Amino acid sequence: MIVTYKSSDDVTPLMASLRIETDGVRLRVIVADNDSKDSTVDLPTAHSDATVIPTGGNLSYSGVIGAALRLASPGQQVLVVNPDRKVRPRAIGAMVERLLRSGAELVSR
């Protein structure tokens, strides 16, 4: 899940880093947008596995995460990423491994 607000310069590089990191893995990207007035919500639509959720207002960071989590399936791992970040090689796999090994409900980096 990518939480955005006026993030048009950042979404494409982040999506590219997700693609590299998840090569061979089924990926579903939810872009939850806090009412950006730029082209942020248009950019992810080029990807067939991306869903854009326009919140219709600025719900706050936690508010937009809560709204977007309604689309996640029960038991599904969810990664929340700020749009100005890039995913480092092997980072997602390491986080999922730690999550499953520890029995935790949340892993943070």
Foldseek 3Di string as FASTA:
>chain_A
DEEDAQLQVQQVQQVVLVCVQQPVHDDAAEYQYADHPDCVQVPVVVDPRYHYHDPVHRLDPVRSVVVVCVPDDPPDDDDYDYRNDHDDHCNVVVQVVCCVVVVDPDDDD
